[in-house]
Amino acid sequence: MRIARSLLAACVLALAVATPASASTPVDKELSFTCPFPLIGLQKLAVEVKAAFEVPAAPGGTFTTADLAVAVTVPDKSTRGLALVGAASIEGTASAGVTLTNGPLTLPLALPLTVAKTAVPASGPFTTNASGSVPPVQLPNAGKTALTIGGFSARLTPKKADGSFTGLGSFTSDCTLDAGQDPVLLSFDLGTPASRDYRVTGTTTLKALGATAPVTGSFTGFSPAFDRTRAEFKVFGFVPGTADLLFSPDGPQTGEITGDGFVAHAKLALSLPQVTLFGLPVADAGCRASASIPVDLRSGTGFTPAAGGPVAGTYTIPALTGCGAFTAYLSSLVQGEGNAFTLSISPFPA
């Protein structure tokens, strides 16, 4: 009964803890629910949820729950109903329905709780307590974040003093939040981490050409900006050639924080302003990839926001266009999958 309510409250609180608002933020909220019970019909239950939670400083971090306590006051009518069937104690489990929203993410959750075995007095109200383990939850997005309470379902078992079942056996009670209450347990704006500028060094490997070119530039937020570079290659193993490469952002750049690292969903335009064979130019100045190049640039092991670290990603070069008379031939030399960026980024000096 109240116990079921407790379970729901516990679930709600658990999820609240999973929502970052401010480090070591206490939560204490009282709500009322209506639950159907055998013999006595609908009952209103008062539930108090308490907890403290640690929250991340930025999107992509995790939050954890501590000191979760859910107290449910069982009214005298419910107590007398239990006594009527000879119940000396009550215990059970519950599944609470809550919804976590984090920016564009909407995540319905069913959280399991355990109702501790509680002695049932002969009359008068009594308090039951419920708890459950709450795993850490990661919040990937910046923006409005909220935890909203829904209904819950409890499976309760009253027992006699000798441990045997009462005439009620085990029963299920599906409870709803009473109208006129604020269903939001926690609501806040999770800010975007401060943008940081990094310098970039490394290489890009062009599989079809069998060549590697140095990469320098910068990284701001999730947006890379690479300098013009040059790849040296040989056609047929002996014809020397060069290809100047310029990768530049093509439209909005997106990404997300992943713990201490990140993944940048880059979209790059590739131009080849100069291509030579035997030292002679063989491409028009407008030579370029015919489509945007998507590449996920992921931070690697050892990366930290303060010191930087390795970043890598693979990409596919589409057919070339605008290269002049040799467009088709040059395209056959360059296009294809299996190309890679192998980079290291580090903060610019203050």
Foldseek 3Di string as FASTA:
>chain_A
DLLQVLQQLQQLVLVVLFDADAAFDKFWDKFWKWKQDPPPGIDIKIKIWIWTKGHDQAAQAKMGIGPTKMKIKAFFVVLQVCVVQQFQKKWWKKWWWKWKDAPPDIDIGTFIKTWDIDTRDNGGIDMTMIHDHRDIDGGWHFFKIWMFGFKMKIWMFTAHPVRHGTPVGIDMMIMGTDPPDGRTRDIDTRHHPDKAKKWKWFWKAQVLQRWIKIWTFMQIDLATATDWIKIWGADVVHWTKMWIKGWHFDDDKDWTANHQWIKIFTKIWIAGQFMDTPRHTQFHRRKTQPGIKTWIWIFDPPAGPQFWFKIKIWIFGHQIPRGPPCRVVVRSSGGGTDMMTIMTIGGDDD
